Amino acid sequence: MTGSYSHSQVNIKRAPAAIRQTQPYGASPSLASNNPGVVLPVYICSGGVNCATAADRQLNPNNPYAATFAANPAAGGARVYYLFGDIPVGTERSNEVIRGALGLRGSFGDGWKWHVDATGAKDNLNIRALGVVNIAGLKQAINTGAYNFINPNLNSQATRDLIAPTYDVASNSSLVSVDVGLSKSLMELAGGPLMIAVGGQVRHETLENNSLNENLDRYANTSAAFGSHTVSAAFFELNAPVLDTLEVNVSGRYDHYSEGFGRFSPKVGAKWTPIENLSLRGTYSKGFRAPTFAESNPRSSFAGFVSTTPPASFQLAHGGLITDGNTNPYVQSYSVGSGFSGNPNLKPEKSRSFTGGVIFEPTPWLTMSVDYYNIKKTDVIVTGPLASSARAAYFAGNPLPAGYTIEAIDGVDPLFPNALPRVLIINAPYVNAASQKTSGIDFAVTARIPLADDIQLISRLDVTNILQFDVDNGDGAIQKFAGTLGPYELSSGAGTPKWRGNWQNTLQFK
């Protein structure tokens, strides 16, 4: 029986927040603080709206040009470059993890061994975000004159909280798991005992990962994930040393998810050693990957951006083509947000793989191996494969693909108020849309070189030659990524080079 508790507190202080380069998630580029959407007006008033004509208007003491442009306030707005030195910026992260485990072992009958293992864990994470500028609050503080730029020490805490409120977000996850197993030597074969193992598992998982930007009113992470399920599984494994030179392993596992699906994953492998220093090995297996909470729960979401230039038809409706000299900011390249939300109708990804290789040990201290692998995945879960088609459909005035919706559109173009406005955010679903095929050759060399009685150098070289990395998103076009920088999402930005290697050296003291 074991138990543990850990608590960590990490406080990070950052440089003061700036007015420039600030924009709410998915908001109109015209609201960006450097557009110059945020300026110091000539007049301020208690309402903060239409101050130039308000009954209680007064010249803005923060604007050095206010008196000069008192008669022409529309031309007197002053751009402001400012760091909020009186507002702390940073994050405070508090994380506690509670974990307990219990294990029982025993035997019975004619050589049967049993075990029961239970595990429980709870993870609580609290994040406090400080100094994240809220554009709406900032503009209100500027237009009412509530914030004193000349002497920030005179600002009240209420005004600072209006500009950059403190955000507290709590998240948690939990796991409870029980595993049981039986094992036994059934009989003696030519190469050793025939071993069998059977068992099962039941586990319950929960996740509540709240967003730092639930209302999309500031420039902060919008990701969120929620869910809970119970998974039950049963498995078996049979290891048969048929001969002194031949060993066969057969195993299988069935998993059932409370979401309503289950899959069986078989695997068979063999190793043949025709001569002392040479072995041949191979495996064949099928598997699956269940959708994560982030992918399958409708409450889960995350966002991304892509740069796009409105099509020619849109440009013409707003004054002409860019290539013909149209400088209207409304038709220039801008960032479109994509909101990806969980899809409860997702199916698990399925896979089929086989490998085959050779192990050569010419000396006790040197091992070399070469293995070929071939993996095919179907029903691969992807995000918004028709996102570009959805944008094109919006600009063309056509219905969006099924599952795609408009989350936000821009304000009207001041120069062409009757023309179609820009789209700002398009919600896209996770879908089972892709198949993926990969194959390649793995090379490995391991040397264990004794340097002294109690010291040895372990040097290992791993090299992979990627022969194939093809992705079919279901649109009829097969993307071949072997030897390229993509796919970004699947390679974590590392690309898919034809050759990849890793050399590790370890000095071991016995």
Protein backbone atom coordinates (compact mmCIF):
# COMPACT_ATOMS: atom_id res chain seq x y z
CA MET A 1 0.00 0.00 0.00
CA THR A 2 1.35 3.40 -0.92
CA GLY A 3 0.07 6.94 -0.82
CA SER A 4 1.42 10.32 -1.75
CA TYR A 5 0.50 13.98 -1.64
CA SER A 6 2.25 16.76 -3.45
CA HIS A 7 1.60 20.46 -3.66
CA SER A 8 3.39 22.93 -5.89
CA GLN A 9 3.05 26.67 -6.12
CA VAL A 10 4.57 28.49 -9.08
CA ASN A 11 4.29 32.26 -9.33
CA ILE A 12 5.54 33.93 -12.49
CA LYS A 13 5.95 37.68 -12.83
CA ARG A 14 6.08 39.20 -16.29
CA ALA A 15 6.81 42.57 -17.84
CA PRO A 16 4.07 45.20 -17.58
CA ALA A 17 1.16 44.85 -20.00
CA ALA A 18 1.14 47.09 -23.06
CA ILE A 19 -1.78 48.77 -24.75
CA ARG A 20 -0.40 48.02 -28.20
CA GLN A 21 -0.70 44.53 -29.72
CA THR A 22 -3.81 43.72 -27.67
CA GLN A 23 -7.00 42.32 -29.15
CA PRO A 24 -9.82 40.12 -27.81
CA TYR A 25 -9.95 36.60 -29.23
CA GLY A 26 -11.86 36.54 -32.50
CA ALA A 27 -12.67 40.24 -32.32
CA SER A 28 -12.66 42.55 -35.27
CA PRO A 29 -9.19 43.72 -36.28
CA SER A 30 -10.67 47.20 -35.95
CA LEU A 31 -10.78 46.60 -32.19
CA ALA A 32 -7.09 45.83 -32.01
CA SER A 33 -5.32 48.37 -29.85
CA ASN A 34 -2.79 49.14 -32.59
CA ASN A 35 -5.28 49.62 -35.42
CA PRO A 36 -5.38 52.33 -33.85
CA GLY A 37 -8.72 51.31 -32.25
CA VAL A 38 -7.59 52.58 -28.83
CA VAL A 39 -6.78 56.31 -28.78
CA LEU A 40 -7.02 59.10 -26.23
CA PRO A 41 -10.09 61.13 -27.25
CA VAL A 42 -10.35 64.90 -27.08
CA TYR A 43 -13.37 64.75 -24.79
CA ILE A 44 -14.26 62.41 -21.94
CA CYS A 45 -17.65 61.96 -20.27
CA SER A 46 -19.32 59.85 -17.60
CA GLY A 47 -21.01 57.57 -20.13
CA GLY A 48 -17.88 56.97 -22.20
CA VAL A 49 -19.92 57.06 -25.45
CA ASN A 50 -20.36 59.98 -27.89
CA CYS A 51 -18.45 62.19 -25.47
CA ALA A 52 -17.84 64.91 -28.09
CA THR A 53 -21.53 65.87 -27.88
CA ALA A 54 -22.33 64.75 -24.32
CA ALA A 55 -23.76 67.31 -21.92
CA ASP A 56 -21.13 66.53 -19.29
CA ARG A 57 -18.18 66.45 -21.66
CA GLN A 58 -14.81 67.83 -20.60
CA LEU A 59 -11.43 68.05 -22.23
CA ASN A 60 -9.36 64.92 -21.72
CA PRO A 61 -6.47 65.73 -19.35
CA ASN A 62 -4.57 62.68 -20.65
CA ASN A 63 -4.60 63.97 -24.26
CA PRO A 64 -1.95 66.67 -24.81
CA TYR A 65 -3.74 67.82 -27.99
CA ALA A 66 -7.21 68.12 -26.46
CA ALA A 67 -7.29 71.91 -26.22
CA THR A 68 -5.87 72.32 -29.73
CA PHE A 69 -8.60 70.16 -31.28
CA ALA A 70 -11.46 71.22 -29.02
CA ALA A 71 -13.38 72.52 -32.03
CA ASN A 72 -12.55 69.48 -34.18
CA PRO A 73 -12.52 66.49 -31.79
CA ALA A 74 -12.70 63.90 -34.57
CA ALA A 75 -9.19 64.87 -35.67
CA GLY A 76 -7.64 65.13 -32.22
CA GLY A 77 -7.43 61.54 -31.06
CA ALA A 78 -3.95 60.74 -29.75
CA ARG A 79 -2.36 57.36 -30.18
CA VAL A 80 -1.11 56.03 -26.88
CA TYR A 81 1.92 53.83 -26.27
CA TYR A 82 1.87 52.81 -22.65
CA LEU A 83 2.97 50.14 -20.18
CA PHE A 84 0.74 49.60 -17.16
CA GLY A 85 3.45 49.72 -14.52
CA ASP A 86 0.86 49.95 -11.73
CA ILE A 87 -0.84 46.66 -12.71
CA PRO A 88 0.94 43.39 -11.81
CA VAL A 89 1.27 40.88 -14.65
CA GLY A 90 1.83 37.15 -14.35
CA THR A 91 0.31 33.85 -13.32
CA GLU A 92 -0.02 32.01 -10.04
CA ARG A 93 -0.38 28.24 -10.39
CA SER A 94 -1.32 26.02 -7.49
CA ASN A 95 -1.31 22.28 -8.17
CA GLU A 96 -2.00 19.47 -5.72
CA VAL A 97 -1.94 15.76 -6.49
CA ILE A 98 -3.27 13.07 -4.18
CA ARG A 99 -2.54 9.45 -5.07
CA GLY A 100 -3.03 6.10 -3.39
CA ALA A 101 -2.32 2.53 -4.49
CA LEU A 102 -3.04 -0.89 -3.01
CA GLY A 103 -1.73 -4.21 -4.27
CA LEU A 104 -2.42 -7.78 -3.20
CA ARG A 105 -0.58 -10.90 -4.38
CA GLY A 106 -1.13 -14.57 -3.80
CA SER A 107 -1.31 -18.07 -5.22
CA PHE A 108 -3.69 -21.00 -5.15
CA GLY A 109 -4.27 -24.44 -6.61
CA ASP A 110 -1.72 -26.00 -8.92
CA GLY A 111 0.61 -23.07 -9.59
CA TRP A 112 -1.91 -20.29 -10.20
CA LYS A 113 -0.76 -16.80 -9.22
CA TRP A 114 -3.12 -13.88 -8.74
CA HIS A 115 -2.89 -10.16 -8.14
CA VAL A 116 -5.27 -7.29 -7.46
CA ASP A 117 -4.11 -3.68 -7.85
CA ALA A 118 -6.18 -0.61 -7.10
CA THR A 119 -5.18 2.97 -7.81
CA GLY A 120 -6.85 6.29 -7.13
CA ALA A 121 -5.63 9.77 -8.01
CA LYS A 122 -6.96 13.31 -7.87
CA ASP A 123 -5.33 16.35 -9.47
CA ASN A 124 -6.47 19.89 -8.64
CA LEU A 125 -5.09 22.85 -10.58
CA ASN A 126 -5.86 26.49 -9.85
CA ILE A 127 -4.62 29.25 -12.13
CA ARG A 128 -4.81 32.95 -11.38
CA ALA A 129 -4.07 35.22 -14.34
CA LEU A 130 -2.98 38.77 -13.54
CA GLY A 131 -2.67 41.77 -15.82
CA VAL A 132 -4.54 40.45 -18.88
CA VAL A 133 -5.88 43.59 -20.54
CA ASN A 134 -9.59 43.65 -21.30
CA ILE A 135 -10.07 45.90 -24.34
CA ALA A 136 -13.68 46.79 -23.49
CA GLY A 137 -12.71 47.78 -19.96
CA LEU A 138 -9.67 49.67 -21.21
CA LYS A 139 -11.73 51.72 -23.66
CA GLN A 140 -14.28 52.50 -20.96
CA ALA A 141 -11.53 53.66 -18.59
CA ILE A 142 -10.03 55.85 -21.33
CA ASN A 143 -13.29 57.35 -22.59
CA THR A 144 -14.54 58.19 -19.09
CA GLY A 145 -11.17 59.49 -17.94
CA ALA A 146 -11.16 56.98 -15.08
CA TYR A 147 -7.54 55.98 -15.69
CA ASN A 148 -4.89 58.59 -14.98
CA PHE A 149 -2.03 58.12 -17.44
CA ILE A 150 -0.13 61.14 -16.12
CA ASN A 151 0.09 59.91 -12.53
CA PRO A 152 -0.90 56.22 -12.36
CA ASN A 153 -0.36 56.20 -8.58
CA LEU A 154 -3.67 58.04 -8.29
CA ASN A 155 -5.64 55.25 -9.97
CA SER A 156 -8.03 53.28 -7.81
CA GLN A 157 -7.92 49.50 -7.60
CA ALA A 158 -11.41 49.43 -9.11
CA THR A 159 -10.09 51.20 -12.21
CA ARG A 160 -7.15 48.83 -12.48
CA ASP A 161 -9.53 45.87 -12.15
CA LEU A 162 -11.69 47.33 -14.91
CA ILE A 163 -8.72 47.40 -17.28
CA ALA A 164 -7.13 44.11 -16.25
CA PRO A 165 -9.36 42.05 -13.97
CA THR A 166 -7.92 39.06 -12.12
CA TYR A 167 -9.12 35.73 -13.50
CA ASP A 168 -9.27 32.60 -11.34
CA VAL A 169 -9.74 29.27 -13.10
CA ALA A 170 -10.02 25.91 -11.33
CA SER A 171 -9.54 22.57 -13.11
CA ASN A 172 -9.37 19.00 -11.90
CA SER A 173 -9.03 15.40 -13.03
CA SER A 174 -9.49 12.07 -11.30
CA LEU A 175 -8.75 8.40 -11.90
CA VAL A 176 -9.91 5.26 -10.11
CA SER A 177 -8.68 1.95 -11.47
CA VAL A 178 -8.86 -1.70 -10.39
CA ASP A 179 -6.78 -4.39 -12.15
CA VAL A 180 -6.97 -8.14 -11.57
CA GLY A 181 -4.89 -10.90 -13.13
CA LEU A 182 -4.15 -14.62 -13.11
CA SER A 183 -1.08 -16.38 -14.49
CA LYS A 184 0.12 -19.97 -14.69
CA SER A 185 2.57 -22.28 -16.38
CA LEU A 186 0.37 -24.74 -18.28
CA MET A 187 2.93 -27.22 -19.52
CA GLU A 188 6.51 -27.69 -20.63
CA LEU A 189 7.35 -27.21 -24.30
CA ALA A 190 10.60 -27.91 -26.09
CA GLY A 191 11.86 -24.38 -25.43
CA GLY A 192 10.43 -23.85 -21.94
CA PRO A 193 7.13 -23.44 -20.04
CA LEU A 194 3.91 -22.49 -21.84
CA MET A 195 2.73 -19.43 -19.89
CA ILE A 196 -0.78 -18.01 -19.82
CA ALA A 197 -2.08 -14.82 -18.23
CA VAL A 198 -5.63 -13.47 -18.11
CA GLY A 199 -7.02 -10.42 -16.43
CA GLY A 200 -9.32 -7.47 -16.44
CA GLN A 201 -9.51 -3.81 -15.60
CA VAL A 202 -12.16 -1.29 -14.66
CA ARG A 203 -11.28 2.38 -14.52
CA HIS A 204 -13.22 5.61 -14.16
CA GLU A 205 -11.78 8.89 -15.42
CA THR A 206 -13.02 12.46 -15.14
CA LEU A 207 -11.70 15.75 -16.48
CA GLU A 208 -12.78 19.34 -15.96
CA ASN A 209 -10.32 21.69 -17.62
CA ASN A 210 -11.89 25.14 -17.70
CA SER A 211 -10.99 27.87 -20.16
CA LEU A 212 -9.06 30.99 -19.24
CA ASN A 213 -11.17 32.89 -21.76
CA GLU A 214 -14.67 31.47 -21.51
CA ASN A 215 -16.37 34.69 -22.64
CA LEU A 216 -13.84 35.37 -25.45
CA ASP A 217 -13.44 38.92 -24.16
CA ARG A 218 -9.65 39.05 -23.88
CA TYR A 219 -6.53 37.75 -25.56
CA ALA A 220 -6.04 34.52 -23.62
CA ASN A 221 -6.13 30.77 -24.10
CA THR A 222 -9.62 29.53 -25.05
CA SER A 223 -8.97 25.78 -24.72
CA ALA A 224 -11.27 23.73 -22.51
CA ALA A 225 -11.96 20.02 -22.07
CA PHE A 226 -14.59 18.14 -20.08
CA GLY A 227 -15.74 14.57 -19.74
CA SER A 228 -16.08 11.41 -17.72
CA HIS A 229 -16.34 7.75 -18.61
CA THR A 230 -15.91 4.24 -17.33
CA VAL A 231 -13.77 1.76 -19.24
CA SER A 232 -13.85 -1.99 -18.65
CA ALA A 233 -11.38 -4.37 -20.25
CA ALA A 234 -10.45 -8.04 -20.39
CA PHE A 235 -7.19 -9.46 -21.76
CA PHE A 236 -5.17 -12.60 -22.25
CA GLU A 237 -1.59 -13.45 -23.20
CA LEU A 238 -0.06 -16.76 -24.21
CA ASN A 239 3.72 -17.14 -24.46
CA ALA A 240 4.85 -20.36 -26.15
CA PRO A 241 8.56 -21.26 -26.52
CA VAL A 242 7.69 -23.92 -29.10
CA LEU A 243 11.34 -24.81 -29.71
CA ASP A 244 14.66 -23.78 -28.27
CA THR A 245 14.94 -21.53 -31.31
CA LEU A 246 11.29 -20.45 -31.77
CA GLU A 247 9.09 -18.42 -29.43
CA VAL A 248 5.51 -17.37 -30.22
CA ASN A 249 3.45 -14.81 -28.31
CA VAL A 250 -0.31 -14.34 -28.77
CA SER A 251 -2.33 -11.73 -26.89
CA GLY A 252 -5.59 -9.86 -27.09
CA ARG A 253 -7.51 -7.20 -25.24
CA TYR A 254 -11.13 -6.07 -25.39
CA ASP A 255 -12.01 -2.57 -24.16
CA HIS A 256 -15.53 -1.27 -23.66
CA TYR A 257 -16.23 2.43 -23.14
CA SER A 258 -19.32 3.78 -21.43
CA GLU A 259 -19.80 6.09 -24.42
CA GLY A 260 -21.16 3.01 -26.17
CA PHE A 261 -18.36 1.43 -28.19
CA GLY A 262 -15.92 -1.41 -27.72
CA ARG A 263 -13.00 -2.84 -29.66
CA PHE A 264 -10.89 -6.01 -29.64
CA SER A 265 -7.15 -5.60 -30.18
CA PRO A 266 -5.27 -8.79 -31.11
CA LYS A 267 -1.52 -9.21 -31.46
CA VAL A 268 0.70 -12.09 -32.52
CA GLY A 269 4.48 -12.10 -32.54
CA ALA A 270 7.26 -14.59 -33.15
CA LYS A 271 11.02 -14.75 -32.72
CA TRP A 272 13.19 -17.36 -34.43
CA THR A 273 16.89 -17.81 -33.63
CA PRO A 274 18.32 -20.15 -36.30
CA ILE A 275 21.89 -19.59 -35.11
CA GLU A 276 23.25 -18.34 -31.82
CA ASN A 277 23.97 -14.74 -32.81
CA LEU A 278 21.13 -14.14 -35.27
CA SER A 279 17.38 -13.77 -34.63
CA LEU A 280 14.42 -13.02 -36.88
CA ARG A 281 11.33 -11.39 -35.39
CA GLY A 282 7.96 -10.16 -36.53
CA THR A 283 4.58 -8.96 -35.22
CA TYR A 284 1.07 -8.38 -36.51
CA SER A 285 -1.50 -6.41 -34.53
CA LYS A 286 -4.68 -4.42 -34.65
CA GLY A 287 -5.50 -1.56 -32.33
CA PHE A 288 -7.65 1.47 -31.77
CA ARG A 289 -7.59 4.90 -30.15
CA ALA A 290 -10.69 6.17 -28.40
CA PRO A 291 -11.60 9.85 -28.87
CA THR A 292 -10.30 12.00 -26.06
CA PHE A 293 -12.56 14.17 -23.93
CA ALA A 294 -11.34 17.20 -25.88
CA GLU A 295 -12.38 15.55 -29.14
CA SER A 296 -15.71 14.01 -28.14
CA ASN A 297 -17.35 16.21 -25.51
CA PRO A 298 -19.48 19.05 -26.96
CA ARG A 299 -18.41 21.31 -24.07
CA SER A 300 -14.76 20.90 -25.03
CA SER A 301 -13.17 23.37 -27.41
CA PHE A 302 -9.97 24.98 -28.57
CA ALA A 303 -9.18 27.67 -31.07
CA GLY A 304 -6.73 28.39 -33.82
CA PHE A 305 -6.13 31.06 -36.40
CA VAL A 306 -5.31 31.10 -40.06
CA SER A 307 -4.37 34.06 -42.23
CA THR A 308 -6.64 34.60 -45.21
CA THR A 309 -7.21 37.16 -47.94
CA PRO A 310 -10.83 37.76 -48.97
CA PRO A 311 -11.63 36.51 -52.50
CA ALA A 312 -11.83 38.78 -55.53
CA SER A 313 -15.64 39.01 -55.40
CA PHE A 314 -15.45 40.32 -51.84
CA GLN A 315 -12.71 42.81 -52.73
CA LEU A 316 -14.74 44.14 -55.66
CA ALA A 317 -17.75 44.69 -53.39
CA HIS A 318 -15.53 46.74 -51.08
CA GLY A 319 -13.90 49.08 -53.57
CA GLY A 320 -11.86 46.97 -55.97
CA LEU A 321 -9.08 44.42 -56.21
CA ILE A 322 -5.99 44.71 -54.04
CA THR A 323 -3.89 44.11 -57.14
CA ASP A 324 -5.49 47.18 -58.72
CA GLY A 325 -4.48 49.37 -55.80
CA ASN A 326 -7.42 49.05 -53.40
CA THR A 327 -6.05 50.11 -50.01
CA ASN A 328 -9.27 49.64 -48.06
CA PRO A 329 -8.12 47.93 -44.81
CA TYR A 330 -11.29 45.83 -44.85
CA VAL A 331 -10.13 43.72 -47.81
CA GLN A 332 -6.55 43.14 -46.73
CA SER A 333 -5.22 39.86 -45.34
CA TYR A 334 -6.41 39.15 -41.80
CA SER A 335 -6.67 36.29 -39.29
CA VAL A 336 -9.80 34.13 -39.18
CA GLY A 337 -10.45 32.23 -35.98
CA SER A 338 -11.46 28.58 -35.97
CA GLY A 339 -13.33 27.24 -32.97
CA PHE A 340 -13.02 23.46 -32.76
CA SER A 341 -15.63 21.76 -30.59
CA GLY A 342 -16.02 18.17 -29.42
CA ASN A 343 -18.12 15.77 -31.49
CA PRO A 344 -19.99 13.04 -29.55
CA ASN A 345 -20.55 11.07 -32.78
CA LEU A 346 -16.87 10.32 -33.33
CA LYS A 347 -15.76 6.75 -33.85
CA PRO A 348 -12.49 5.36 -32.50
CA GLU A 349 -9.46 5.42 -34.75
CA LYS A 350 -8.47 1.95 -35.94
CA SER A 351 -5.03 0.67 -36.84
CA ARG A 352 -3.34 -2.31 -38.43
CA SER A 353 0.39 -2.83 -38.19
CA PHE A 354 3.02 -5.40 -38.96
CA THR A 355 6.75 -5.45 -38.40
CA GLY A 356 9.61 -7.70 -39.40
CA GLY A 357 13.27 -7.54 -38.57
CA VAL A 358 16.65 -9.04 -37.78
CA ILE A 359 18.75 -8.93 -34.60
CA PHE A 360 22.48 -9.61 -34.90
CA GLU A 361 24.81 -9.94 -31.90
CA PRO A 362 28.30 -10.62 -33.26
CA THR A 363 29.88 -10.12 -29.82
CA PRO A 364 28.55 -9.99 -26.25
CA TRP A 365 29.02 -6.21 -26.19
CA LEU A 366 27.55 -5.30 -29.60
CA THR A 367 23.91 -5.61 -30.77
CA MET A 368 22.57 -4.52 -34.17
CA SER A 369 19.00 -4.64 -35.45
CA VAL A 370 17.03 -3.72 -38.56
CA ASP A 371 13.20 -3.64 -38.51
CA TYR A 372 10.63 -2.79 -41.16
CA TYR A 373 7.30 -1.34 -40.00
CA ASN A 374 4.04 -0.76 -41.83
CA ILE A 375 1.11 0.97 -40.13
CA LYS A 376 -2.30 1.88 -41.51
CA LYS A 377 -4.82 3.98 -39.59
CA THR A 378 -8.43 4.56 -40.57
CA ASP A 379 -11.10 6.89 -39.19
CA VAL A 380 -8.30 9.21 -38.10
CA ILE A 381 -9.72 12.06 -36.05
CA VAL A 382 -8.97 15.47 -37.56
CA THR A 383 -10.12 19.03 -36.96
CA GLY A 384 -12.10 20.90 -39.56
CA PRO A 385 -10.79 19.38 -42.81
CA LEU A 386 -13.28 21.52 -44.75
CA ALA A 387 -12.42 24.81 -43.00
CA SER A 388 -11.18 26.44 -46.21
CA SER A 389 -14.33 25.29 -48.02
CA ALA A 390 -16.42 26.79 -45.22
CA ARG A 391 -14.69 30.17 -45.59
CA ALA A 392 -15.18 30.07 -49.35
CA ALA A 393 -18.86 29.19 -48.90
CA TYR A 394 -19.37 32.15 -46.57
CA PHE A 395 -17.81 34.66 -48.96
CA ALA A 396 -19.81 33.17 -51.86
CA GLY A 397 -23.08 33.34 -49.91
CA ASN A 398 -23.53 29.56 -49.99
CA PRO A 399 -24.45 27.17 -47.16
CA LEU A 400 -21.52 25.99 -45.07
CA PRO A 401 -20.57 22.29 -44.98
CA ALA A 402 -22.49 20.19 -42.47
CA GLY A 403 -21.29 20.74 -38.91
CA TYR A 404 -19.71 24.14 -39.64
CA THR A 405 -21.27 27.29 -38.18
CA ILE A 406 -20.52 31.01 -38.04
CA GLU A 407 -19.52 32.09 -34.54
CA ALA A 408 -18.81 35.77 -35.20
CA ILE A 409 -18.74 38.26 -38.06
CA ASP A 410 -17.06 41.65 -38.19
CA GLY A 411 -18.73 45.01 -37.99
CA VAL A 412 -19.69 46.56 -41.31
CA ASP A 413 -17.11 48.17 -43.57
CA PRO A 414 -17.42 51.93 -42.86
CA LEU A 415 -16.71 52.65 -46.54
CA PHE A 416 -19.21 50.10 -47.87
CA PRO A 417 -21.74 49.49 -45.08
CA ASN A 418 -24.15 47.55 -47.30
CA ALA A 419 -21.57 45.01 -48.46
CA LEU A 420 -21.01 41.58 -46.89
CA PRO A 421 -18.99 41.87 -43.65
CA ARG A 422 -15.92 39.77 -42.94
CA VAL A 423 -16.22 36.49 -41.07
CA LEU A 424 -14.22 36.39 -37.83
CA ILE A 425 -14.78 32.92 -36.36
CA ILE A 426 -16.03 29.71 -37.98
CA ASN A 427 -16.81 26.80 -35.69
CA ALA A 428 -15.59 23.47 -37.05
CA PRO A 429 -16.10 19.93 -35.73
CA TYR A 430 -13.76 17.05 -35.08
CA VAL A 431 -14.53 14.35 -37.64
CA ASN A 432 -13.41 10.88 -38.69
CA ALA A 433 -12.16 11.94 -42.07
CA ALA A 434 -8.68 10.68 -42.70
CA SER A 435 -6.71 7.54 -43.31
CA GLN A 436 -2.99 7.42 -42.78
CA LYS A 437 -0.31 5.04 -44.04
CA THR A 438 3.23 5.01 -42.75
CA SER A 439 6.14 2.69 -43.36
CA GLY A 440 9.84 2.76 -42.79
CA ILE A 441 12.97 1.03 -41.56
CA ASP A 442 14.43 1.35 -38.07
CA PHE A 443 18.16 0.77 -37.56
CA ALA A 444 19.67 0.39 -34.08
CA VAL A 445 23.19 -0.27 -32.84
CA THR A 446 24.01 -0.67 -29.14
CA ALA A 447 27.54 -1.05 -27.79
CA ARG A 448 28.37 -1.81 -24.17
CA ILE A 449 32.08 -1.07 -23.87
CA PRO A 450 33.86 -1.84 -20.57
CA LEU A 451 36.26 0.94 -19.59
CA ALA A 452 37.26 -0.36 -16.16
CA ASP A 453 36.13 -2.95 -13.64
CA ASP A 454 33.10 -0.93 -12.55
CA ILE A 455 32.66 1.45 -15.47
CA GLN A 456 31.19 0.89 -18.90
CA LEU A 457 30.18 3.12 -21.79
CA ILE A 458 26.76 2.41 -23.30
CA SER A 459 26.49 3.95 -26.75
CA ARG A 460 23.27 3.64 -28.77
CA LEU A 461 22.55 4.88 -32.27
CA ASP A 462 18.97 4.88 -33.62
CA VAL A 463 18.21 5.80 -37.23
CA THR A 464 14.85 5.77 -39.00
CA ASN A 465 14.29 5.91 -42.73
CA ILE A 466 10.69 7.00 -43.41
CA LEU A 467 9.58 5.38 -46.66
CA GLN A 468 5.95 6.48 -46.63
CA PHE A 469 3.79 8.96 -44.74
CA ASP A 470 0.57 9.42 -46.70
CA VAL A 471 -2.59 11.12 -45.42
CA ASP A 472 -5.99 10.97 -47.13
CA ASN A 473 -8.42 13.52 -45.67
CA GLY A 474 -11.29 12.07 -47.64
CA ASP A 475 -11.33 14.81 -50.26
CA GLY A 476 -9.82 12.64 -52.98
CA ALA A 477 -6.31 14.04 -52.66
CA ILE A 478 -3.54 12.04 -50.99
CA GLN A 479 -0.93 14.16 -49.24
CA LYS A 480 2.55 12.64 -49.20
CA PHE A 481 4.55 13.99 -46.27
CA ALA A 482 7.67 11.81 -46.27
CA GLY A 483 10.65 14.12 -46.66
CA THR A 484 8.66 17.32 -45.95
CA LEU A 485 8.01 19.71 -43.06
CA GLY A 486 4.45 18.42 -42.54
CA PRO A 487 2.06 17.43 -41.20
CA TYR A 488 2.52 20.05 -38.50
CA GLU A 489 -0.23 18.75 -36.17
CA LEU A 490 0.92 15.13 -36.26
CA SER A 491 4.64 15.84 -35.95
CA SER A 492 4.45 18.63 -33.34
CA GLY A 493 6.12 20.92 -35.84
CA ALA A 494 9.15 18.63 -36.23
CA GLY A 495 8.36 17.65 -39.82
CA THR A 496 8.73 14.24 -41.45
CA PRO A 497 12.30 14.00 -42.76
CA LYS A 498 13.28 10.96 -44.80
CA TRP A 499 16.08 10.24 -42.35
CA ARG A 500 16.08 10.85 -38.62
CA GLY A 501 18.71 9.78 -36.10
CA ASN A 502 19.54 9.90 -32.43
CA TRP A 503 22.86 9.04 -30.77
CA GLN A 504 22.98 8.59 -26.99
CA ASN A 505 26.00 7.87 -24.80
CA THR A 506 25.80 6.90 -21.15
CA LEU A 507 28.62 6.35 -18.70
CA GLN A 508 27.48 3.69 -16.22
CA PHE A 509 29.07 3.08 -12.83
CA LYS A 510 28.27 -0.28 -11.28
